[in-house]
Each structure stands twice: as C-alpha cells, then as structure tokens.
Amino acid sequence: ISAPDARDIYEVPLQLEKEGATDIILNHLNLQSKEKDMQEWRKH
C-alpha cells in the first residue's frame, strides 16, 4: 500500500481506501462489508 505524504492527516483514510486497503483487510478476515460510503468524511 502506497502512503505518500498527505496534505492533512484526515486525508489518509481516503488514500488507504483508494489503494484498496479496506477490501484486502476484509477479504483476509473473511468479513462481509455492510456498507461503503465515505462521502461524509470526504466532505469534512
């Protein structure tokens, strides 16, 4: 996973999501995603 210097620390979750980290984690732990929406966080 690429984690370059972010413009702000609150941007890092968006970077990880873009890199596909969430799906990799859920697949490894055999968890089913209940929802997928980072719009509110993105707005902040």
ModelCIF file with pLDDT and N, C-alpha, C, O atoms, coordinates in Angstrom:
data_MODEL
#
_entry.id   MODEL 
#
_entity.id                         1 
_entity.type                       polymer 
_entity.pdbx_number_of_molecules   1 
#
_entity_poly.entity_id                      1 
_entity_poly.type                           'polypeptide(L)' 
_entity_poly.nstd_linkage                   no 
_entity_poly.nstd_monomer                   no 
_entity_poly.pdbx_seq_one_letter_code       ISAPDARDIYEVPLQLEKEGATDIILNHLNLQSKEKDMQEWRKH 
_entity_poly.pdbx_seq_one_letter_code_can   ISAPDARDIYEVPLQLEKEGATDIILNHLNLQSKEKDMQEWRKH 
_entity_poly.pdbx_strand_id                 A 
#
loop_
_entity_poly_seq.entity_id 
_entity_poly_seq.num 
_entity_poly_seq.mon_id 
_entity_poly_seq.hetero 
1 1  ILE n 
1 2  SER n 
1 3  ALA n 
1 4  PRO n 
1 5  ASP n 
1 6  ALA n 
1 7  ARG n 
1 8  ASP n 
1 9  ILE n 
1 10 TYR n 
1 11 GLU n 
1 12 VAL n 
1 13 PRO n 
1 14 LEU n 
1 15 GLN n 
1 16 LEU n 
1 17 GLU n 
1 18 LYS n 
1 19 GLU n 
1 20 GLY n 
1 21 ALA n 
1 22 THR n 
1 23 ASP n 
1 24 ILE n 
1 25 ILE n 
1 26 LEU n 
1 27 ASN n 
1 28 HIS n 
1 29 LEU n 
1 30 ASN n 
1 31 LEU n 
1 32 GLN n 
1 33 SER n 
1 34 LYS n 
1 35 GLU n 
1 36 LYS n 
1 37 ASP n 
1 38 MET n 
1 39 GLN n 
1 40 GLU n 
1 41 TRP n 
1 42 ARG n 
1 43 LYS n 
1 44 HIS n 
#
_struct_asym.id          A 
_struct_asym.entity_id   1 
#
loop_
_ma_qa_metric.id 
_ma_qa_metric.mode 
_ma_qa_metric.name 
_ma_qa_metric.software_group_id 
_ma_qa_metric.type 
1 global pLDDT . pLDDT 
2 local  pLDDT . pLDDT 
#
_ma_qa_metric_global.metric_id      1 
_ma_qa_metric_global.metric_value   92.25 
_ma_qa_metric_global.model_id       1 
_ma_qa_metric_global.ordinal_id     1 
#
loop_
_ma_qa_metric_local.label_asym_id 
_ma_qa_metric_local.label_comp_id 
_ma_qa_metric_local.label_seq_id 
_ma_qa_metric_local.metric_id 
_ma_qa_metric_local.metric_value 
_ma_qa_metric_local.model_id 
_ma_qa_metric_local.ordinal_id 
A ILE 1  2 97.00 1 1  
A SER 2  2 97.00 1 2  
A ALA 3  2 96.00 1 3  
A PRO 4  2 96.00 1 4  
A ASP 5  2 95.00 1 5  
A ALA 6  2 95.00 1 6  
A ARG 7  2 94.00 1 7  
A ASP 8  2 95.00 1 8  
A ILE 9  2 96.00 1 9  
A TYR 10 2 97.00 1 10 
A GLU 11 2 97.00 1 11 
A VAL 12 2 97.00 1 12 
A PRO 13 2 97.00 1 13 
A LEU 14 2 96.00 1 14 
A GLN 15 2 96.00 1 15 
A LEU 16 2 96.00 1 16 
A GLU 17 2 95.00 1 17 
A LYS 18 2 94.00 1 18 
A GLU 19 2 95.00 1 19 
A GLY 20 2 94.00 1 20 
A ALA 21 2 95.00 1 21 
A THR 22 2 94.00 1 22 
A ASP 23 2 93.00 1 23 
A ILE 24 2 96.00 1 24 
A ILE 25 2 96.00 1 25 
A LEU 26 2 95.00 1 26 
A ASN 27 2 95.00 1 27 
A HIS 28 2 95.00 1 28 
A LEU 29 2 95.00 1 29 
A ASN 30 2 94.00 1 30 
A LEU 31 2 92.00 1 31 
A GLN 32 2 89.00 1 32 
A SER 33 2 80.00 1 33 
A LYS 34 2 71.00 1 34 
A GLU 35 2 72.00 1 35 
A LYS 36 2 72.00 1 36 
A ASP 37 2 76.00 1 37 
A MET 38 2 89.00 1 38 
A GLN 39 2 90.00 1 39 
A GLU 40 2 91.00 1 40 
A TRP 41 2 94.00 1 41 
A ARG 42 2 94.00 1 42 
A LYS 43 2 93.00 1 43 
A HIS 44 2 93.00 1 44 
#
loop_
_atom_site.group_PDB 
_atom_site.id 
_atom_site.type_symbol 
_atom_site.label_atom_id 
_atom_site.label_alt_id 
_atom_site.label_comp_id 
_atom_site.label_asym_id 
_atom_site.label_entity_id 
_atom_site.label_seq_id 
_atom_site.pdbx_PDB_ins_code 
_atom_site.Cartn_x 
_atom_site.Cartn_y 
_atom_site.Cartn_z 
_atom_site.occupancy 
_atom_site.B_iso_or_equiv 
_atom_site.pdbx_formal_charge 
_atom_site.auth_seq_id 
_atom_site.auth_comp_id 
_atom_site.auth_asym_id 
_atom_site.auth_atom_id 
_atom_site.pdbx_PDB_model_num 
ATOM 1   N N  . ILE A 1 1  ? 0.838   -1.201  0.000  1.00 97.00 ? 1  ILE A N  1 
ATOM 2   C CA . ILE A 1 1  ? 0.000   0.000   0.000  1.00 97.00 ? 1  ILE A CA 1 
ATOM 3   C C  . ILE A 1 1  ? 0.874   1.252   0.000  1.00 97.00 ? 1  ILE A C  1 
ATOM 4   O O  . ILE A 1 1  ? 1.769   1.405   0.832  1.00 97.00 ? 1  ILE A O  1 
ATOM 5   N N  . SER A 1 2  ? 0.600   2.125   -0.933 1.00 97.00 ? 2  SER A N  1 
ATOM 6   C CA . SER A 1 2  ? 1.326   3.389   -1.010 1.00 97.00 ? 2  SER A CA 1 
ATOM 7   C C  . SER A 1 2  ? 0.690   4.409   -0.070 1.00 97.00 ? 2  SER A C  1 
ATOM 8   O O  . SER A 1 2  ? -0.514  4.657   -0.120 1.00 97.00 ? 2  SER A O  1 
ATOM 9   N N  . ALA A 1 3  ? 1.526   4.995   0.787  1.00 96.00 ? 3  ALA A N  1 
ATOM 10  C CA . ALA A 1 3  ? 1.043   6.015   1.723  1.00 96.00 ? 3  ALA A CA 1 
ATOM 11  C C  . ALA A 1 3  ? 1.958   7.242   1.648  1.00 96.00 ? 3  ALA A C  1 
ATOM 12  O O  . ALA A 1 3  ? 2.786   7.457   2.534  1.00 96.00 ? 3  ALA A O  1 
ATOM 13  N N  . PRO A 1 4  ? 1.807   8.041   0.592  1.00 96.00 ? 4  PRO A N  1 
ATOM 14  C CA . PRO A 1 4  ? 2.644   9.231   0.448  1.00 96.00 ? 4  PRO A CA 1 
ATOM 15  C C  . PRO A 1 4  ? 2.241   10.312  1.450  1.00 96.00 ? 4  PRO A C  1 
ATOM 16  O O  . PRO A 1 4  ? 1.173   10.240  2.059  1.00 96.00 ? 4  PRO A O  1 
ATOM 17  N N  . ASP A 1 5  ? 3.101   11.308  1.611  1.00 95.00 ? 5  ASP A N  1 
ATOM 18  C CA . ASP A 1 5  ? 2.784   12.425  2.492  1.00 95.00 ? 5  ASP A CA 1 
ATOM 19  C C  . ASP A 1 5  ? 1.452   13.039  2.092  1.00 95.00 ? 5  ASP A C  1 
ATOM 20  O O  . ASP A 1 5  ? 1.251   13.405  0.934  1.00 95.00 ? 5  ASP A O  1 
ATOM 21  N N  . ALA A 1 6  ? 0.546   13.150  3.052  1.00 95.00 ? 6  ALA A N  1 
ATOM 22  C CA . ALA A 1 6  ? -0.790  13.689  2.794  1.00 95.00 ? 6  ALA A CA 1 
ATOM 23  C C  . ALA A 1 6  ? -0.806  15.186  3.063  1.00 95.00 ? 6  ALA A C  1 
ATOM 24  O O  . ALA A 1 6  ? 0.038   15.704  3.794  1.00 95.00 ? 6  ALA A O  1 
ATOM 25  N N  . ARG A 1 7  ? -1.774  15.876  2.467  1.00 94.00 ? 7  ARG A N  1 
ATOM 26  C CA . ARG A 1 7  ? -1.922  17.310  2.726  1.00 94.00 ? 7  ARG A CA 1 
ATOM 27  C C  . ARG A 1 7  ? -2.418  17.551  4.145  1.00 94.00 ? 7  ARG A C  1 
ATOM 28  O O  . ARG A 1 7  ? -2.160  18.602  4.731  1.00 94.00 ? 7  ARG A O  1 
ATOM 29  N N  . ASP A 1 8  ? -3.126  16.579  4.687  1.00 95.00 ? 8  ASP A N  1 
ATOM 30  C CA . ASP A 1 8  ? -3.606  16.653  6.063  1.00 95.00 ? 8  ASP A CA 1 
ATOM 31  C C  . ASP A 1 8  ? -3.823  15.228  6.555  1.00 95.00 ? 8  ASP A C  1 
ATOM 32  O O  . ASP A 1 8  ? -4.131  14.336  5.764  1.00 95.00 ? 8  ASP A O  1 
ATOM 33  N N  . ILE A 1 9  ? -3.663  15.012  7.864  1.00 96.00 ? 9  ILE A N  1 
ATOM 34  C CA . ILE A 1 9  ? -3.777  13.652  8.392  1.00 96.00 ? 9  ILE A CA 1 
ATOM 35  C C  . ILE A 1 9  ? -5.145  13.039  8.122  1.00 96.00 ? 9  ILE A C  1 
ATOM 36  O O  . ILE A 1 9  ? -5.257  11.821  7.989  1.00 96.00 ? 9  ILE A O  1 
ATOM 37  N N  . TYR A 1 10 ? -6.192  13.869  8.038  1.00 97.00 ? 10 TYR A N  1 
ATOM 38  C CA . TYR A 1 10 ? -7.533  13.334  7.825  1.00 97.00 ? 10 TYR A CA 1 
ATOM 39  C C  . TYR A 1 10 ? -7.758  12.867  6.388  1.00 97.00 ? 10 TYR A C  1 
ATOM 40  O O  . TYR A 1 10 ? -8.795  12.284  6.074  1.00 97.00 ? 10 TYR A O  1 
ATOM 41  N N  . GLU A 1 11 ? -6.786  13.125  5.523  1.00 97.00 ? 11 GLU A N  1 
ATOM 42  C CA . GLU A 1 11 ? -6.855  12.642  4.149  1.00 97.00 ? 11 GLU A CA 1 
ATOM 43  C C  . GLU A 1 11 ? -6.359  11.200  4.036  1.00 97.00 ? 11 GLU A C  1 
ATOM 44  O O  . GLU A 1 11 ? -6.646  10.524  3.047  1.00 97.00 ? 11 GLU A O  1 
ATOM 45  N N  . VAL A 1 12 ? -5.622  10.727  5.033  1.00 97.00 ? 12 VAL A N  1 
ATOM 46  C CA . VAL A 1 12 ? -5.002  9.398   4.955  1.00 97.00 ? 12 VAL A CA 1 
ATOM 47  C C  . VAL A 1 12 ? -6.036  8.276   4.786  1.00 97.00 ? 12 VAL A C  1 
ATOM 48  O O  . VAL A 1 12 ? -5.795  7.379   3.977  1.00 97.00 ? 12 VAL A O  1 
ATOM 49  N N  . PRO A 1 13 ? -7.185  8.270   5.506  1.00 97.00 ? 13 PRO A N  1 
ATOM 50  C CA . PRO A 1 13 ? -8.175  7.215   5.244  1.00 97.00 ? 13 PRO A CA 1 
ATOM 51  C C  . PRO A 1 13 ? -8.626  7.166   3.786  1.00 97.00 ? 13 PRO A C  1 
ATOM 52  O O  . PRO A 1 13 ? -8.868  6.086   3.246  1.00 97.00 ? 13 PRO A O  1 
ATOM 53  N N  . LEU A 1 14 ? -8.738  8.316   3.157  1.00 96.00 ? 14 LEU A N  1 
ATOM 54  C CA . LEU A 1 14 ? -9.142  8.352   1.745  1.00 96.00 ? 14 LEU A CA 1 
ATOM 55  C C  . LEU A 1 14 ? -8.053  7.750   0.863  1.00 96.00 ? 14 LEU A C  1 
ATOM 56  O O  . LEU A 1 14 ? -8.352  7.082   -0.127 1.00 96.00 ? 14 LEU A O  1 
ATOM 57  N N  . GLN A 1 15 ? -6.788  7.984   1.222  1.00 96.00 ? 15 GLN A N  1 
ATOM 58  C CA . GLN A 1 15 ? -5.685  7.388   0.465  1.00 96.00 ? 15 GLN A CA 1 
ATOM 59  C C  . GLN A 1 15 ? -5.694  5.866   0.581  1.00 96.00 ? 15 GLN A C  1 
ATOM 60  O O  . GLN A 1 15 ? -5.513  5.155   -0.408 1.00 96.00 ? 15 GLN A O  1 
ATOM 61  N N  . LEU A 1 16 ? -5.908  5.373   1.812  1.00 96.00 ? 16 LEU A N  1 
ATOM 62  C CA . LEU A 1 16 ? -5.918  3.925   2.031  1.00 96.00 ? 16 LEU A CA 1 
ATOM 63  C C  . LEU A 1 16 ? -7.088  3.269   1.309  1.00 96.00 ? 16 LEU A C  1 
ATOM 64  O O  . LEU A 1 16 ? -6.948  2.185   0.743  1.00 96.00 ? 16 LEU A O  1 
ATOM 65  N N  . GLU A 1 17 ? -8.235  3.926   1.330  1.00 95.00 ? 17 GLU A N  1 
ATOM 66  C CA . GLU A 1 17 ? -9.412  3.398   0.628  1.00 95.00 ? 17 GLU A CA 1 
ATOM 67  C C  . GLU A 1 17 ? -9.146  3.332   -0.874 1.00 95.00 ? 17 GLU A C  1 
ATOM 68  O O  . GLU A 1 17 ? -9.503  2.355   -1.532 1.00 95.00 ? 17 GLU A O  1 
ATOM 69  N N  . LYS A 1 18 ? -8.524  4.365   -1.404 1.00 94.00 ? 18 LYS A N  1 
ATOM 70  C CA . LYS A 1 18 ? -8.205  4.413   -2.838 1.00 94.00 ? 18 LYS A CA 1 
ATOM 71  C C  . LYS A 1 18 ? -7.235  3.305   -3.229 1.00 94.00 ? 18 LYS A C  1 
ATOM 72  O O  . LYS A 1 18 ? -7.303  2.778   -4.339 1.00 94.00 ? 18 LYS A O  1 
ATOM 73  N N  . GLU A 1 19 ? -6.324  2.950   -2.306 1.00 95.00 ? 19 GLU A N  1 
ATOM 74  C CA . GLU A 1 19 ? -5.340  1.893   -2.564 1.00 95.00 ? 19 GLU A CA 1 
ATOM 75  C C  . GLU A 1 19 ? -5.942  0.489   -2.424 1.00 95.00 ? 19 GLU A C  1 
ATOM 76  O O  . GLU A 1 19 ? -5.274  -0.504  -2.712 1.00 95.00 ? 19 GLU A O  1 
ATOM 77  N N  . GLY A 1 20 ? -7.192  0.408   -1.988 1.00 94.00 ? 20 GLY A N  1 
ATOM 78  C CA . GLY A 1 20 ? -7.848  -0.895  -1.859 1.00 94.00 ? 20 GLY A CA 1 
ATOM 79  C C  . GLY A 1 20 ? -7.563  -1.601  -0.548 1.00 94.00 ? 20 GLY A C  1 
ATOM 80  O O  . GLY A 1 20 ? -7.797  -2.804  -0.432 1.00 94.00 ? 20 GLY A O  1 
ATOM 81  N N  . ALA A 1 21 ? -7.061  -0.874  0.447  1.00 95.00 ? 21 ALA A N  1 
ATOM 82  C CA . ALA A 1 21 ? -6.687  -1.499  1.718  1.00 95.00 ? 21 ALA A CA 1 
ATOM 83  C C  . ALA A 1 21 ? -7.883  -2.127  2.430  1.00 95.00 ? 21 ALA A C  1 
ATOM 84  O O  . ALA A 1 21 ? -7.761  -3.193  3.033  1.00 95.00 ? 21 ALA A O  1 
ATOM 85  N N  . THR A 1 22 ? -9.031  -1.469  2.359  1.00 94.00 ? 22 THR A N  1 
ATOM 86  C CA . THR A 1 22 ? -10.209 -1.983  3.069  1.00 94.00 ? 22 THR A CA 1 
ATOM 87  C C  . THR A 1 22 ? -10.605 -3.358  2.567  1.00 94.00 ? 22 THR A C  1 
ATOM 88  O O  . THR A 1 22 ? -10.841 -4.268  3.362  1.00 94.00 ? 22 THR A O  1 
ATOM 89  N N  . ASP A 1 23 ? -10.678 -3.516  1.267  1.00 93.00 ? 23 ASP A N  1 
ATOM 90  C CA . ASP A 1 23 ? -11.079 -4.806  0.692  1.00 93.00 ? 23 ASP A CA 1 
ATOM 91  C C  . ASP A 1 23 ? -10.073 -5.903  1.002  1.00 93.00 ? 23 ASP A C  1 
ATOM 92  O O  . ASP A 1 23 ? -10.451 -7.049  1.246  1.00 93.00 ? 23 ASP A O  1 
ATOM 93  N N  . ILE A 1 24 ? -8.784  -5.548  0.993  1.00 96.00 ? 24 ILE A N  1 
ATOM 94  C CA . ILE A 1 24 ? -7.747  -6.537  1.325  1.00 96.00 ? 24 ILE A CA 1 
ATOM 95  C C  . ILE A 1 24 ? -7.921  -7.025  2.760  1.00 96.00 ? 24 ILE A C  1 
ATOM 96  O O  . ILE A 1 24 ? -7.818  -8.221  3.034  1.00 96.00 ? 24 ILE A O  1 
ATOM 97  N N  . ILE A 1 25 ? -8.187  -6.088  3.676  1.00 96.00 ? 25 ILE A N  1 
ATOM 98  C CA . ILE A 1 25 ? -8.374  -6.442  5.084  1.00 96.00 ? 25 ILE A CA 1 
ATOM 99  C C  . ILE A 1 25 ? -9.600  -7.322  5.266  1.00 96.00 ? 25 ILE A C  1 
ATOM 100 O O  . ILE A 1 25 ? -9.543  -8.351  5.939  1.00 96.00 ? 25 ILE A O  1 
ATOM 101 N N  . LEU A 1 26 ? -10.703 -6.913  4.666  1.00 95.00 ? 26 LEU A N  1 
ATOM 102 C CA . LEU A 1 26 ? -11.961 -7.665  4.839  1.00 95.00 ? 26 LEU A CA 1 
ATOM 103 C C  . LEU A 1 26 ? -11.857 -9.057  4.233  1.00 95.00 ? 26 LEU A C  1 
ATOM 104 O O  . LEU A 1 26 ? -12.381 -10.016 4.798  1.00 95.00 ? 26 LEU A O  1 
ATOM 105 N N  . ASN A 1 27 ? -11.187 -9.180  3.094  1.00 95.00 ? 27 ASN A N  1 
ATOM 106 C CA . ASN A 1 27 ? -11.005 -10.500 2.475  1.00 95.00 ? 27 ASN A CA 1 
ATOM 107 C C  . ASN A 1 27 ? -10.160 -11.410 3.362  1.00 95.00 ? 27 ASN A C  1 
ATOM 108 O O  . ASN A 1 27 ? -10.458 -12.594 3.513  1.00 95.00 ? 27 ASN A O  1 
ATOM 109 N N  . HIS A 1 28 ? -9.110  -10.848 3.943  1.00 95.00 ? 28 HIS A N  1 
ATOM 110 C CA . HIS A 1 28 ? -8.238  -11.648 4.809  1.00 95.00 ? 28 HIS A CA 1 
ATOM 111 C C  . HIS A 1 28 ? -8.984  -12.137 6.044  1.00 95.00 ? 28 HIS A C  1 
ATOM 112 O O  . HIS A 1 28 ? -8.812  -13.281 6.466  1.00 95.00 ? 28 HIS A O  1 
ATOM 113 N N  . LEU A 1 29 ? -9.806  -11.275 6.622  1.00 95.00 ? 29 LEU A N  1 
ATOM 114 C CA . LEU A 1 29 ? -10.523 -11.618 7.853  1.00 95.00 ? 29 LEU A CA 1 
ATOM 115 C C  . LEU A 1 29 ? -11.880 -12.290 7.585  1.00 95.00 ? 29 LEU A C  1 
ATOM 116 O O  . LEU A 1 29 ? -12.627 -12.588 8.517  1.00 95.00 ? 29 LEU A O  1 
ATOM 117 N N  . ASN A 1 30 ? -12.186 -12.524 6.301  1.00 94.00 ? 30 ASN A N  1 
ATOM 118 C CA . ASN A 1 30 ? -13.453 -13.166 5.917  1.00 94.00 ? 30 ASN A CA 1 
ATOM 119 C C  . ASN A 1 30 ? -14.664 -12.400 6.467  1.00 94.00 ? 30 ASN A C  1 
ATOM 120 O O  . ASN A 1 30 ? -15.601 -12.993 7.003  1.00 94.00 ? 30 ASN A O  1 
ATOM 121 N N  . LEU A 1 31 ? -14.622 -11.080 6.322  1.00 92.00 ? 31 LEU A N  1 
ATOM 122 C CA . LEU A 1 31 ? -15.722 -10.231 6.773  1.00 92.00 ? 31 LEU A CA 1 
ATOM 123 C C  . LEU A 1 31 ? -16.473 -9.668  5.571  1.00 92.00 ? 31 LEU A C  1 
ATOM 124 O O  . LEU A 1 31 ? -15.881 -9.330  4.546  1.00 92.00 ? 31 LEU A O  1 
ATOM 125 N N  . GLN A 1 32 ? -17.787 -9.577  5.726  1.00 89.00 ? 32 GLN A N  1 
ATOM 126 C CA . GLN A 1 32 ? -18.621 -9.020  4.670  1.00 89.00 ? 32 GLN A CA 1 
ATOM 127 C C  . GLN A 1 32 ? -18.895 -7.547  4.970  1.00 89.00 ? 32 GLN A C  1 
ATOM 128 O O  . GLN A 1 32 ? -19.359 -7.191  6.053  1.00 89.00 ? 32 GLN A O  1 
ATOM 129 N N  . SER A 1 33 ? -18.599 -6.712  3.994  1.00 80.00 ? 33 SER A N  1 
ATOM 130 C CA . SER A 1 33 ? -18.815 -5.282  4.174  1.00 80.00 ? 33 SER A CA 1 
ATOM 131 C C  . SER A 1 33 ? -20.307 -4.965  4.240  1.00 80.00 ? 33 SER A C  1 
ATOM 132 O O  . SER A 1 33 ? -21.097 -5.440  3.424  1.00 80.00 ? 33 SER A O  1 
ATOM 133 N N  . LYS A 1 34 ? -20.672 -4.154  5.230  1.00 71.00 ? 34 LYS A N  1 
ATOM 134 C CA . LYS A 1 34 ? -22.084 -3.813  5.411  1.00 71.00 ? 34 LYS A CA 1 
ATOM 135 C C  . LYS A 1 34 ? -22.479 -2.606  4.562  1.00 71.00 ? 34 LYS A C  1 
ATOM 136 O O  . LYS A 1 34 ? -23.630 -2.484  4.142  1.00 71.00 ? 34 LYS A O  1 
ATOM 137 N N  . GLU A 1 35 ? -21.526 -1.723  4.313  1.00 72.00 ? 35 GLU A N  1 
ATOM 138 C CA . GLU A 1 35 ? -21.806 -0.525  3.525  1.00 72.00 ? 35 GLU A CA 1 
ATOM 139 C C  . GLU A 1 35 ? -20.492 0.024   2.999  1.00 72.00 ? 35 GLU A C  1 
ATOM 140 O O  . GLU A 1 35 ? -19.411 -0.385  3.423  1.00 72.00 ? 35 GLU A O  1 
ATOM 141 N N  . LYS A 1 36 ? -20.609 0.957   2.068  1.00 72.00 ? 36 LYS A N  1 
ATOM 142 C CA . LYS A 1 36 ? -19.401 1.556   1.509  1.00 72.00 ? 36 LYS A CA 1 
ATOM 143 C C  . LYS A 1 36 ? -19.708 2.990   1.112  1.00 72.00 ? 36 LYS A C  1 
ATOM 144 O O  . LYS A 1 36 ? -20.180 3.256   0.007  1.00 72.00 ? 36 LYS A O  1 
ATOM 145 N N  . ASP A 1 37 ? -19.435 3.902   2.020  1.00 76.00 ? 37 ASP A N  1 
ATOM 146 C CA . ASP A 1 37 ? -19.736 5.298   1.750  1.00 76.00 ? 37 ASP A CA 1 
ATOM 147 C C  . ASP A 1 37 ? -18.846 6.184   2.610  1.00 76.00 ? 37 ASP A C  1 
ATOM 148 O O  . ASP A 1 37 ? -19.006 6.248   3.828  1.00 76.00 ? 37 ASP A O  1 
ATOM 149 N N  . MET A 1 38 ? -17.900 6.871   1.958  1.00 89.00 ? 38 MET A N  1 
ATOM 150 C CA . MET A 1 38 ? -17.031 7.797   2.683  1.00 89.00 ? 38 MET A CA 1 
ATOM 151 C C  . MET A 1 38 ? -17.339 9.249   2.326  1.00 89.00 ? 38 MET A C  1 
ATOM 152 O O  . MET A 1 38 ? -16.502 10.134  2.507  1.00 89.00 ? 38 MET A O  1 
ATOM 153 N N  . GLN A 1 39 ? -18.552 9.483   1.815  1.00 90.00 ? 39 GLN A N  1 
ATOM 154 C CA . GLN A 1 39 ? -18.900 10.818  1.347  1.00 90.00 ? 39 GLN A CA 1 
ATOM 155 C C  . GLN A 1 39 ? -18.851 11.862  2.460  1.00 90.00 ? 39 GLN A C  1 
ATOM 156 O O  . GLN A 1 39 ? -18.353 12.971  2.264  1.00 90.00 ? 39 GLN A O  1 
ATOM 157 N N  . GLU A 1 40 ? -19.376 11.490  3.637  1.00 91.00 ? 40 GLU A N  1 
ATOM 158 C CA . GLU A 1 40 ? -19.413 12.444  4.748  1.00 91.00 ? 40 GLU A CA 1 
ATOM 159 C C  . GLU A 1 40 ? -17.991 12.791  5.199  1.00 91.00 ? 40 GLU A C  1 
ATOM 160 O O  . GLU A 1 40 ? -17.667 13.957  5.430  1.00 91.00 ? 40 GLU A O  1 
ATOM 161 N N  . TRP A 1 41 ? -17.156 11.769  5.318  1.00 94.00 ? 41 TRP A N  1 
ATOM 162 C CA . TRP A 1 41 ? -15.767 12.004  5.701  1.00 94.00 ? 41 TRP A CA 1 
ATOM 163 C C  . TRP A 1 41 ? -15.049 12.834  4.639  1.00 94.00 ? 41 TRP A C  1 
ATOM 164 O O  . TRP A 1 41 ? -14.275 13.736  4.959  1.00 94.00 ? 41 TRP A O  1 
ATOM 165 N N  . ARG A 1 42 ? -15.314 12.518  3.371  1.00 94.00 ? 42 ARG A N  1 
ATOM 166 C CA . ARG A 1 42 ? -14.690 13.254  2.271  1.00 94.00 ? 42 ARG A CA 1 
ATOM 167 C C  . ARG A 1 42 ? -15.067 14.735  2.328  1.00 94.00 ? 42 ARG A C  1 
ATOM 168 O O  . ARG A 1 42 ? -14.246 15.609  2.053  1.00 94.00 ? 42 ARG A O  1 
ATOM 169 N N  . LYS A 1 43 ? -16.320 14.998  2.689  1.00 93.00 ? 43 LYS A N  1 
ATOM 170 C CA . LYS A 1 43 ? -16.794 16.383  2.782  1.00 93.00 ? 43 LYS A CA 1 
ATOM 171 C C  . LYS A 1 43 ? -16.047 17.136  3.886  1.00 93.00 ? 43 LYS A C  1 
ATOM 172 O O  . LYS A 1 43 ? -15.665 18.292  3.707  1.00 93.00 ? 43 LYS A O  1 
ATOM 173 N N  . HIS A 1 44 ? -15.843 16.473  5.025  1.00 93.00 ? 44 HIS A N  1 
ATOM 174 C CA . HIS A 1 44 ? -15.104 17.101  6.125  1.00 93.00 ? 44 HIS A CA 1 
ATOM 175 C C  . HIS A 1 44 ? -13.669 17.411  5.695  1.00 93.00 ? 44 HIS A C  1 
ATOM 176 O O  . HIS A 1 44 ? -12.889 17.943  6.485  1.00 93.00 ? 44 HIS A O  1 
#
